[in-house]
All heavy atoms as atom14 arrays in JSON, in Angstrom:
{
  "sequence": "VPPPGSTTGVAADPGQAPRADAGRELPDPAPLATNLARCVFEILAGA",
  "atom14_mask": [
    [1, 1, 1, 1, 1, 1, 1, 0, 0, 0, 0, 0, 0, 0],
    [1, 1, 1, 1, 1, 1, 1, 0, 0, 0, 0, 0, 0, 0],
    [1, 1, 1, 1, 1, 1, 1, 0, 0, 0, 0, 0, 0, 0],
    [1, 1, 1, 1, 1, 1, 1, 0, 0, 0, 0, 0, 0, 0],
    [1, 1, 1, 1, 0, 0, 0, 0, 0, 0, 0, 0, 0, 0],
    [1, 1, 1, 1, 1, 1, 0, 0, 0, 0, 0, 0, 0, 0],
    [1, 1, 1, 1, 1, 1, 1, 0, 0, 0, 0, 0, 0, 0],
    [1, 1, 1, 1, 1, 1, 1, 0, 0, 0, 0, 0, 0, 0],
    [1, 1, 1, 1, 0, 0, 0, 0, 0, 0, 0, 0, 0, 0],
    [1, 1, 1, 1, 1, 1, 1, 0, 0, 0, 0, 0, 0, 0],
    [1, 1, 1, 1, 1, 0, 0, 0, 0, 0, 0, 0, 0, 0],
    [1, 1, 1, 1, 1, 0, 0, 0, 0, 0, 0, 0, 0, 0],
    [1, 1, 1, 1, 1, 1, 1, 1, 0, 0, 0, 0, 0, 0],
    [1, 1, 1, 1, 1, 1, 1, 0, 0, 0, 0, 0, 0, 0],
    [1, 1, 1, 1, 0, 0, 0, 0, 0, 0, 0, 0, 0, 0],
    [1, 1, 1, 1, 1, 1, 1, 1, 1, 0, 0, 0, 0, 0],
    [1, 1, 1, 1, 1, 0, 0, 0, 0, 0, 0, 0, 0, 0],
    [1, 1, 1, 1, 1, 1, 1, 0, 0, 0, 0, 0, 0, 0],
    [1, 1, 1, 1, 1, 1, 1, 1, 1, 1, 1, 0, 0, 0],
    [1, 1, 1, 1, 1, 0, 0, 0, 0, 0, 0, 0, 0, 0],
    [1, 1, 1, 1, 1, 1, 1, 1, 0, 0, 0, 0, 0, 0],
    [1, 1, 1, 1, 1, 0, 0, 0, 0, 0, 0, 0, 0, 0],
    [1, 1, 1, 1, 0, 0, 0, 0, 0, 0, 0, 0, 0, 0],
    [1, 1, 1, 1, 1, 1, 1, 1, 1, 1, 1, 0, 0, 0],
    [1, 1, 1, 1, 1, 1, 1, 1, 1, 0, 0, 0, 0, 0],
    [1, 1, 1, 1, 1, 1, 1, 1, 0, 0, 0, 0, 0, 0],
    [1, 1, 1, 1, 1, 1, 1, 0, 0, 0, 0, 0, 0, 0],
    [1, 1, 1, 1, 1, 1, 1, 1, 0, 0, 0, 0, 0, 0],
    [1, 1, 1, 1, 1, 1, 1, 0, 0, 0, 0, 0, 0, 0],
    [1, 1, 1, 1, 1, 0, 0, 0, 0, 0, 0, 0, 0, 0],
    [1, 1, 1, 1, 1, 1, 1, 0, 0, 0, 0, 0, 0, 0],
    [1, 1, 1, 1, 1, 1, 1, 1, 0, 0, 0, 0, 0, 0],
    [1, 1, 1, 1, 1, 0, 0, 0, 0, 0, 0, 0, 0, 0],
    [1, 1, 1, 1, 1, 1, 1, 0, 0, 0, 0, 0, 0, 0],
    [1, 1, 1, 1, 1, 1, 1, 1, 0, 0, 0, 0, 0, 0],
    [1, 1, 1, 1, 1, 1, 1, 1, 0, 0, 0, 0, 0, 0],
    [1, 1, 1, 1, 1, 0, 0, 0, 0, 0, 0, 0, 0, 0],
    [1, 1, 1, 1, 1, 1, 1, 1, 1, 1, 1, 0, 0, 0],
    [1, 1, 1, 1, 1, 1, 0, 0, 0, 0, 0, 0, 0, 0],
    [1, 1, 1, 1, 1, 1, 1, 0, 0, 0, 0, 0, 0, 0],
    [1, 1, 1, 1, 1, 1, 1, 1, 1, 1, 1, 0, 0, 0],
    [1, 1, 1, 1, 1, 1, 1, 1, 1, 0, 0, 0, 0, 0],
    [1, 1, 1, 1, 1, 1, 1, 1, 0, 0, 0, 0, 0, 0],
    [1, 1, 1, 1, 1, 1, 1, 1, 0, 0, 0, 0, 0, 0],
    [1, 1, 1, 1, 1, 0, 0, 0, 0, 0, 0, 0, 0, 0],
    [1, 1, 1, 1, 0, 0, 0, 0, 0, 0, 0, 0, 0, 0],
    [1, 1, 1, 1, 1, 0, 0, 0, 0, 0, 0, 0, 0, 0]
  ],
  "atom14_positions": [
    [[0.84, -1.22, -0.03], [-0.03, 0.06, -0.05], [0.9, 1.29, 0.01], [1.76, 1.36, 0.83], [-0.97, 0.03, 1.22], [-1.8, 1.23, 1.25], [-1.77, -1.28, 1.26], [0.0, 0.0, 0.0], [0.0, 0.0, 0.0], [0.0, 0.0, 0.0], [0.0, 0.0, 0.0], [0.0, 0.0, 0.0], [0.0, 0.0, 0.0], [0.0, 0.0, 0.0]],
    [[0.71, 2.22, -0.95], [1.57, 3.33, -1.0], [1.2, 4.24, 0.18], [0.1, 4.14, 0.67], [1.24, 3.97, -2.32], [-0.1, 3.41, -2.78], [-0.24, 2.09, -2.11], [0.0, 0.0, 0.0], [0.0, 0.0, 0.0], [0.0, 0.0, 0.0], [0.0, 0.0, 0.0], [0.0, 0.0, 0.0], [0.0, 0.0, 0.0], [0.0, 0.0, 0.0]],
    [[2.23, 5.03, 0.61], [1.89, 5.94, 1.72], [0.83, 6.99, 1.3], [0.63, 7.34, 0.13], [3.25, 6.63, 1.98], [4.02, 6.33, 0.78], [3.57, 5.08, 0.13], [0.0, 0.0, 0.0], [0.0, 0.0, 0.0], [0.0, 0.0, 0.0], [0.0, 0.0, 0.0], [0.0, 0.0, 0.0], [0.0, 0.0, 0.0], [0.0, 0.0, 0.0]],
    [[0.07, 7.59, 2.32], [-0.92, 8.52, 2.01], [-0.33, 9.68, 1.15], [0.78, 10.18, 1.6], [-1.42, 8.96, 3.37], [-1.05, 7.88, 4.39], [0.23, 7.32, 3.75], [0.0, 0.0, 0.0], [0.0, 0.0, 0.0], [0.0, 0.0, 0.0], [0.0, 0.0, 0.0], [0.0, 0.0, 0.0], [0.0, 0.0, 0.0], [0.0, 0.0, 0.0]],
    [[-1.06, 10.14, 0.15], [-0.67, 11.2, -0.66], [0.22, 10.84, -1.77], [0.57, 11.6, -2.6], [0.0, 0.0, 0.0], [0.0, 0.0, 0.0], [0.0, 0.0, 0.0], [0.0, 0.0, 0.0], [0.0, 0.0, 0.0], [0.0, 0.0, 0.0], [0.0, 0.0, 0.0], [0.0, 0.0, 0.0], [0.0, 0.0, 0.0], [0.0, 0.0, 0.0]],
    [[0.66, 9.61, -1.83], [1.56, 9.22, -2.91], [0.68, 8.79, -4.05], [-0.32, 8.17, -3.88], [2.33, 7.96, -2.45], [3.04, 7.39, -3.52], [0.0, 0.0, 0.0], [0.0, 0.0, 0.0], [0.0, 0.0, 0.0], [0.0, 0.0, 0.0], [0.0, 0.0, 0.0], [0.0, 0.0, 0.0], [0.0, 0.0, 0.0], [0.0, 0.0, 0.0]],
    [[1.18, 9.12, -5.23], [0.34, 8.71, -6.53], [1.03, 7.52, -7.2], [0.66, 7.24, -8.31], [0.28, 9.95, -7.4], [1.56, 10.36, -7.79], [-0.49, 11.09, -6.72], [0.0, 0.0, 0.0], [0.0, 0.0, 0.0], [0.0, 0.0, 0.0], [0.0, 0.0, 0.0], [0.0, 0.0, 0.0], [0.0, 0.0, 0.0], [0.0, 0.0, 0.0]],
    [[2.15, 7.07, -6.73], [2.9, 5.94, -7.43], [1.95, 4.68, -7.49], [1.51, 4.2, -6.49], [4.17, 5.61, -6.65], [4.88, 6.75, -6.44], [4.88, 4.54, -7.34], [0.0, 0.0, 0.0], [0.0, 0.0, 0.0], [0.0, 0.0, 0.0], [0.0, 0.0, 0.0], [0.0, 0.0, 0.0], [0.0, 0.0, 0.0], [0.0, 0.0, 0.0]],
    [[1.74, 4.31, -8.73], [0.97, 3.11, -8.94], [-0.57, 3.34, -8.94], [-1.25, 2.45, -9.05], [0.0, 0.0, 0.0], [0.0, 0.0, 0.0], [0.0, 0.0, 0.0], [0.0, 0.0, 0.0], [0.0, 0.0, 0.0], [0.0, 0.0, 0.0], [0.0, 0.0, 0.0], [0.0, 0.0, 0.0], [0.0, 0.0, 0.0], [0.0, 0.0, 0.0]],
    [[-1.01, 4.54, -8.68], [-2.5, 4.86, -8.57], [-2.92, 5.48, -9.85], [-2.23, 6.41, -10.39], [-2.66, 5.83, -7.44], [-4.12, 6.17, -7.34], [-2.23, 5.24, -6.1], [0.0, 0.0, 0.0], [0.0, 0.0, 0.0], [0.0, 0.0, 0.0], [0.0, 0.0, 0.0], [0.0, 0.0, 0.0], [0.0, 0.0, 0.0], [0.0, 0.0, 0.0]],
    [[-3.9, 4.92, -10.48], [-4.43, 5.47, -11.67], [-5.17, 6.74, -11.51], [-5.8, 6.96, -10.5], [-5.48, 4.44, -12.35], [0.0, 0.0, 0.0], [0.0, 0.0, 0.0], [0.0, 0.0, 0.0], [0.0, 0.0, 0.0], [0.0, 0.0, 0.0], [0.0, 0.0, 0.0], [0.0, 0.0, 0.0], [0.0, 0.0, 0.0], [0.0, 0.0, 0.0]],
    [[-5.01, 7.73, -12.42], [-5.68, 8.96, -12.25], [-7.23, 8.82, -12.55], [-8.01, 9.54, -12.01], [-5.1, 9.98, -13.26], [0.0, 0.0, 0.0], [0.0, 0.0, 0.0], [0.0, 0.0, 0.0], [0.0, 0.0, 0.0], [0.0, 0.0, 0.0], [0.0, 0.0, 0.0], [0.0, 0.0, 0.0], [0.0, 0.0, 0.0], [0.0, 0.0, 0.0]],
    [[-7.57, 7.89, -13.39], [-8.95, 7.65, -13.73], [-9.24, 6.12, -13.23], [-8.49, 5.24, -13.44], [-9.04, 7.74, -15.27], [-10.48, 7.44, -15.81], [-11.41, 7.32, -14.94], [-10.66, 7.32, -16.99], [0.0, 0.0, 0.0], [0.0, 0.0, 0.0], [0.0, 0.0, 0.0], [0.0, 0.0, 0.0], [0.0, 0.0, 0.0], [0.0, 0.0, 0.0]],
    [[-10.41, 6.01, -12.65], [-10.73, 4.67, -12.05], [-10.72, 3.62, -13.16], [-10.4, 2.51, -12.91], [-12.1, 4.83, -11.37], [-12.21, 6.3, -11.23], [-11.41, 7.06, -12.17], [0.0, 0.0, 0.0], [0.0, 0.0, 0.0], [0.0, 0.0, 0.0], [0.0, 0.0, 0.0], [0.0, 0.0, 0.0], [0.0, 0.0, 0.0], [0.0, 0.0, 0.0]],
    [[-11.09, 3.99, -14.43], [-11.11, 2.96, -15.52], [-9.78, 2.75, -16.08], [-9.65, 1.89, -16.99], [0.0, 0.0, 0.0], [0.0, 0.0, 0.0], [0.0, 0.0, 0.0], [0.0, 0.0, 0.0], [0.0, 0.0, 0.0], [0.0, 0.0, 0.0], [0.0, 0.0, 0.0], [0.0, 0.0, 0.0], [0.0, 0.0, 0.0], [0.0, 0.0, 0.0]],
    [[-8.8, 3.56, -15.7], [-7.41, 3.36, -16.33], [-6.59, 2.57, -15.43], [-6.48, 2.87, -14.2], [-6.87, 4.78, -16.52], [-5.49, 4.83, -17.11], [-4.97, 6.22, -17.2], [-5.67, 7.14, -16.72], [-3.77, 6.35, -17.71], [0.0, 0.0, 0.0], [0.0, 0.0, 0.0], [0.0, 0.0, 0.0], [0.0, 0.0, 0.0], [0.0, 0.0, 0.0]],
    [[-5.84, 1.66, -15.87], [-4.93, 0.8, -15.17], [-3.59, 1.59, -14.91], [-3.26, 2.36, -15.68], [-4.68, -0.49, -15.79], [0.0, 0.0, 0.0], [0.0, 0.0, 0.0], [0.0, 0.0, 0.0], [0.0, 0.0, 0.0], [0.0, 0.0, 0.0], [0.0, 0.0, 0.0], [0.0, 0.0, 0.0], [0.0, 0.0, 0.0], [0.0, 0.0, 0.0]],
    [[-2.96, 1.41, -13.81], [-1.62, 1.97, -13.59], [-0.61, 1.49, -14.62], [-0.79, 0.29, -15.13], [-1.2, 1.61, -12.19], [-2.13, 0.46, -11.83], [-3.35, 0.5, -12.66], [0.0, 0.0, 0.0], [0.0, 0.0, 0.0], [0.0, 0.0, 0.0], [0.0, 0.0, 0.0], [0.0, 0.0, 0.0], [0.0, 0.0, 0.0], [0.0, 0.0, 0.0]],
    [[0.28, 2.28, -14.88], [1.39, 1.83, -15.84], [2.22, 0.7, -15.28], [2.39, 0.62, -14.0], [2.33, 3.09, -16.16], [1.66, 4.13, -16.84], [2.62, 5.3, -17.11], [3.66, 4.94, -17.92], [3.74, 5.12, -19.34], [2.66, 5.65, -19.85], [4.71, 4.86, -19.94], [0.0, 0.0, 0.0], [0.0, 0.0, 0.0], [0.0, 0.0, 0.0]],
    [[2.65, -0.24, -16.1], [3.4, -1.39, -15.66], [4.68, -1.02, -14.84], [5.1, -1.71, -14.02], [3.68, -2.23, -16.77], [0.0, 0.0, 0.0], [0.0, 0.0, 0.0], [0.0, 0.0, 0.0], [0.0, 0.0, 0.0], [0.0, 0.0, 0.0], [0.0, 0.0, 0.0], [0.0, 0.0, 0.0], [0.0, 0.0, 0.0], [0.0, 0.0, 0.0]],
    [[5.3, 0.05, -15.35], [6.57, 0.49, -14.66], [6.3, 1.64, -13.71], [7.32, 2.37, -13.43], [7.54, 0.93, -15.75], [6.88, 1.88, -16.7], [5.74, 2.31, -16.61], [7.65, 2.39, -17.63], [0.0, 0.0, 0.0], [0.0, 0.0, 0.0], [0.0, 0.0, 0.0], [0.0, 0.0, 0.0], [0.0, 0.0, 0.0], [0.0, 0.0, 0.0]],
    [[5.2, 1.78, -13.19], [4.86, 2.91, -12.31], [5.67, 2.88, -10.94], [5.92, 3.86, -10.39], [3.34, 3.01, -11.98], [0.0, 0.0, 0.0], [0.0, 0.0, 0.0], [0.0, 0.0, 0.0], [0.0, 0.0, 0.0], [0.0, 0.0, 0.0], [0.0, 0.0, 0.0], [0.0, 0.0, 0.0], [0.0, 0.0, 0.0], [0.0, 0.0, 0.0]],
    [[6.03, 1.67, -10.57], [6.7, 1.64, -9.18], [8.19, 1.85, -9.3], [8.77, 1.99, -8.32], [0.0, 0.0, 0.0], [0.0, 0.0, 0.0], [0.0, 0.0, 0.0], [0.0, 0.0, 0.0], [0.0, 0.0, 0.0], [0.0, 0.0, 0.0], [0.0, 0.0, 0.0], [0.0, 0.0, 0.0], [0.0, 0.0, 0.0], [0.0, 0.0, 0.0]],
    [[8.71, 1.88, -10.53], [10.17, 2.14, -10.59], [10.6, 3.54, -10.36], [9.82, 4.51, -10.72], [10.6, 1.7, -11.97], [10.42, 0.24, -12.2], [11.2, -0.2, -13.42], [11.06, -1.56, -13.63], [10.66, -2.19, -14.72], [10.45, -1.47, -15.84], [10.55, -3.51, -14.84], [0.0, 0.0, 0.0], [0.0, 0.0, 0.0], [0.0, 0.0, 0.0]],
    [[11.77, 3.75, -9.86], [12.26, 5.03, -9.59], [12.91, 5.6, -10.92], [13.75, 4.91, -11.49], [13.35, 5.1, -8.54], [12.67, 4.91, -7.13], [11.83, 6.05, -6.71], [12.19, 7.22, -7.07], [10.86, 5.85, -6.11], [0.0, 0.0, 0.0], [0.0, 0.0, 0.0], [0.0, 0.0, 0.0], [0.0, 0.0, 0.0], [0.0, 0.0, 0.0]],
    [[12.47, 6.73, -11.35], [13.0, 7.34, -12.57], [13.86, 8.51, -12.19], [13.66, 9.25, -11.22], [11.91, 7.79, -13.46], [10.99, 6.72, -14.11], [9.76, 7.32, -14.78], [11.8, 6.01, -15.19], [0.0, 0.0, 0.0], [0.0, 0.0, 0.0], [0.0, 0.0, 0.0], [0.0, 0.0, 0.0], [0.0, 0.0, 0.0], [0.0, 0.0, 0.0]],
    [[15.02, 8.84, -12.92], [15.85, 9.95, -12.67], [15.09, 11.22, -12.99], [14.03, 11.24, -13.67], [17.0, 9.69, -13.53], [16.51, 8.83, -14.64], [15.41, 8.01, -14.11], [0.0, 0.0, 0.0], [0.0, 0.0, 0.0], [0.0, 0.0, 0.0], [0.0, 0.0, 0.0], [0.0, 0.0, 0.0], [0.0, 0.0, 0.0], [0.0, 0.0, 0.0]],
    [[15.67, 12.29, -12.58], [15.12, 13.55, -12.85], [15.24, 13.82, -14.44], [16.22, 13.62, -15.04], [15.98, 14.75, -12.16], [15.48, 16.05, -12.39], [14.3, 16.21, -12.72], [16.28, 17.0, -12.29], [0.0, 0.0, 0.0], [0.0, 0.0, 0.0], [0.0, 0.0, 0.0], [0.0, 0.0, 0.0], [0.0, 0.0, 0.0], [0.0, 0.0, 0.0]],
    [[14.06, 14.16, -14.99], [14.1, 14.34, -16.52], [14.72, 15.68, -17.01], [14.99, 15.67, -18.18], [12.59, 14.34, -16.87], [11.88, 14.9, -15.58], [12.72, 14.39, -14.47], [0.0, 0.0, 0.0], [0.0, 0.0, 0.0], [0.0, 0.0, 0.0], [0.0, 0.0, 0.0], [0.0, 0.0, 0.0], [0.0, 0.0, 0.0], [0.0, 0.0, 0.0]],
    [[14.98, 16.61, -16.12], [15.52, 17.9, -16.59], [16.94, 17.76, -17.28], [17.09, 18.31, -18.39], [15.63, 18.93, -15.42], [0.0, 0.0, 0.0], [0.0, 0.0, 0.0], [0.0, 0.0, 0.0], [0.0, 0.0, 0.0], [0.0, 0.0, 0.0], [0.0, 0.0, 0.0], [0.0, 0.0, 0.0], [0.0, 0.0, 0.0], [0.0, 0.0, 0.0]],
    [[17.89, 17.04, -16.75], [19.21, 16.92, -17.46], [19.05, 16.27, -18.82], [19.67, 16.76, -19.8], [19.99, 16.04, -16.52], [19.35, 16.23, -15.1], [17.92, 16.41, -15.46], [0.0, 0.0, 0.0], [0.0, 0.0, 0.0], [0.0, 0.0, 0.0], [0.0, 0.0, 0.0], [0.0, 0.0, 0.0], [0.0, 0.0, 0.0], [0.0, 0.0, 0.0]],
    [[18.24, 15.25, -18.88], [18.11, 14.53, -20.18], [17.4, 15.52, -21.16], [17.8, 15.59, -22.32], [17.24, 13.32, -20.06], [16.95, 12.65, -21.44], [18.13, 12.09, -22.09], [15.83, 11.42, -21.21], [0.0, 0.0, 0.0], [0.0, 0.0, 0.0], [0.0, 0.0, 0.0], [0.0, 0.0, 0.0], [0.0, 0.0, 0.0], [0.0, 0.0, 0.0]],
    [[16.33, 16.22, -20.7], [15.67, 17.2, -21.65], [16.61, 18.3, -22.14], [16.58, 18.61, -23.32], [14.49, 17.88, -20.94], [0.0, 0.0, 0.0], [0.0, 0.0, 0.0], [0.0, 0.0, 0.0], [0.0, 0.0, 0.0], [0.0, 0.0, 0.0], [0.0, 0.0, 0.0], [0.0, 0.0, 0.0], [0.0, 0.0, 0.0], [0.0, 0.0, 0.0]],
    [[17.38, 18.74, -21.25], [18.32, 19.81, -21.64], [19.45, 19.35, -22.61], [19.65, 19.91, -23.7], [19.09, 20.3, -20.37], [18.1, 20.86, -19.46], [20.04, 21.4, -20.82], [0.0, 0.0, 0.0], [0.0, 0.0, 0.0], [0.0, 0.0, 0.0], [0.0, 0.0, 0.0], [0.0, 0.0, 0.0], [0.0, 0.0, 0.0], [0.0, 0.0, 0.0]],
    [[19.99, 18.11, -22.33], [21.08, 17.53, -23.22], [20.46, 17.06, -24.54], [21.13, 17.26, -25.56], [21.69, 16.4, -22.55], [22.59, 16.92, -21.39], [23.14, 18.07, -21.42], [22.78, 16.04, -20.31], [0.0, 0.0, 0.0], [0.0, 0.0, 0.0], [0.0, 0.0, 0.0], [0.0, 0.0, 0.0], [0.0, 0.0, 0.0], [0.0, 0.0, 0.0]],
    [[19.21, 16.54, -24.55], [18.56, 16.08, -25.76], [18.35, 17.18, -26.6], [18.51, 17.18, -27.86], [17.38, 15.21, -25.45], [16.84, 14.32, -26.47], [17.9, 13.4, -27.04], [15.66, 13.59, -25.95], [0.0, 0.0, 0.0], [0.0, 0.0, 0.0], [0.0, 0.0, 0.0], [0.0, 0.0, 0.0], [0.0, 0.0, 0.0], [0.0, 0.0, 0.0]],
    [[17.78, 18.37, -26.09], [17.48, 19.52, -26.9], [18.71, 20.06, -27.47], [18.73, 20.45, -28.61], [16.78, 20.56, -26.05], [0.0, 0.0, 0.0], [0.0, 0.0, 0.0], [0.0, 0.0, 0.0], [0.0, 0.0, 0.0], [0.0, 0.0, 0.0], [0.0, 0.0, 0.0], [0.0, 0.0, 0.0], [0.0, 0.0, 0.0], [0.0, 0.0, 0.0]],
    [[19.85, 20.11, -26.73], [21.09, 20.62, -27.22], [21.56, 19.65, -28.36], [21.98, 20.2, -29.34], [22.13, 20.58, -26.07], [23.59, 20.98, -26.54], [24.51, 20.94, -25.36], [24.14, 22.03, -24.44], [24.07, 21.89, -23.13], [24.12, 20.64, -22.6], [23.8, 22.8, -22.33], [0.0, 0.0, 0.0], [0.0, 0.0, 0.0], [0.0, 0.0, 0.0]],
    [[21.48, 18.4, -28.24], [21.95, 17.49, -29.26], [21.03, 17.6, -30.53], [21.63, 17.57, -31.61], [21.82, 16.02, -28.79], [23.16, 15.58, -27.47], [0.0, 0.0, 0.0], [0.0, 0.0, 0.0], [0.0, 0.0, 0.0], [0.0, 0.0, 0.0], [0.0, 0.0, 0.0], [0.0, 0.0, 0.0], [0.0, 0.0, 0.0], [0.0, 0.0, 0.0]],
    [[19.76, 17.69, -30.3], [18.84, 17.84, -31.51], [19.26, 19.14, -32.31], [19.28, 19.1, -33.58], [17.44, 17.84, -31.07], [16.42, 18.34, -32.23], [17.0, 16.48, -30.65], [0.0, 0.0, 0.0], [0.0, 0.0, 0.0], [0.0, 0.0, 0.0], [0.0, 0.0, 0.0], [0.0, 0.0, 0.0], [0.0, 0.0, 0.0], [0.0, 0.0, 0.0]],
    [[19.49, 20.22, -31.56], [19.8, 21.52, -32.21], [21.1, 21.34, -33.0], [21.21, 21.73, -34.12], [19.95, 22.51, -31.12], [19.77, 23.91, -31.67], [18.63, 24.5, -32.11], [20.94, 24.78, -31.73], [18.49, 25.74, -32.54], [20.87, 26.11, -32.22], [19.6, 26.5, -32.65], [0.0, 0.0, 0.0], [0.0, 0.0, 0.0], [0.0, 0.0, 0.0]],
    [[22.17, 20.66, -32.36], [23.44, 20.42, -33.09], [23.22, 19.39, -34.23], [23.94, 19.6, -35.25], [24.45, 19.91, -32.1], [24.91, 20.92, -31.1], [25.85, 20.35, -30.04], [26.06, 19.22, -29.87], [26.35, 21.23, -29.26], [0.0, 0.0, 0.0], [0.0, 0.0, 0.0], [0.0, 0.0, 0.0], [0.0, 0.0, 0.0], [0.0, 0.0, 0.0]],
    [[22.38, 18.48, -34.14], [22.21, 17.52, -35.2], [21.62, 18.22, -36.45], [22.05, 18.09, -37.59], [21.28, 16.31, -34.74], [22.08, 15.46, -33.85], [20.68, 15.61, -35.98], [21.12, 14.47, -33.08], [0.0, 0.0, 0.0], [0.0, 0.0, 0.0], [0.0, 0.0, 0.0], [0.0, 0.0, 0.0], [0.0, 0.0, 0.0], [0.0, 0.0, 0.0]],
    [[20.6, 19.13, -36.19], [19.99, 19.82, -37.28], [20.99, 20.81, -37.93], [20.88, 21.07, -39.18], [18.7, 20.5, -36.88], [17.61, 19.54, -36.43], [16.49, 20.46, -35.9], [17.2, 18.72, -37.57], [0.0, 0.0, 0.0], [0.0, 0.0, 0.0], [0.0, 0.0, 0.0], [0.0, 0.0, 0.0], [0.0, 0.0, 0.0], [0.0, 0.0, 0.0]],
    [[21.93, 21.29, -37.19], [23.02, 22.12, -37.7], [24.07, 21.38, -38.44], [24.9, 22.04, -39.11], [23.6, 23.01, -36.66], [0.0, 0.0, 0.0], [0.0, 0.0, 0.0], [0.0, 0.0, 0.0], [0.0, 0.0, 0.0], [0.0, 0.0, 0.0], [0.0, 0.0, 0.0], [0.0, 0.0, 0.0], [0.0, 0.0, 0.0], [0.0, 0.0, 0.0]],
    [[24.05, 20.11, -38.38], [25.12, 19.28, -39.09], [26.29, 19.12, -38.29], [27.34, 18.57, -38.74], [0.0, 0.0, 0.0], [0.0, 0.0, 0.0], [0.0, 0.0, 0.0], [0.0, 0.0, 0.0], [0.0, 0.0, 0.0], [0.0, 0.0, 0.0], [0.0, 0.0, 0.0], [0.0, 0.0, 0.0], [0.0, 0.0, 0.0], [0.0, 0.0, 0.0]],
    [[26.36, 19.55, -37.01], [27.59, 19.36, -36.18], [27.61, 18.14, -35.41], [28.73, 17.8, -34.78], [27.68, 20.54, -35.23], [0.0, 0.0, 0.0], [0.0, 0.0, 0.0], [0.0, 0.0, 0.0], [0.0, 0.0, 0.0], [0.0, 0.0, 0.0], [0.0, 0.0, 0.0], [0.0, 0.0, 0.0], [0.0, 0.0, 0.0], [0.0, 0.0, 0.0]]
  ]
}
């Protein structure tokens, strides 16, 4: 049972099942988003 206030593994909609990987810890998405945007920009520039 998740702690009170936790949304891990809880579906937002009663008819919707939780994601299969909902219990896994994911890293912070900000560094990946920043680096991926930088890379995409450099790829389109041909560098």
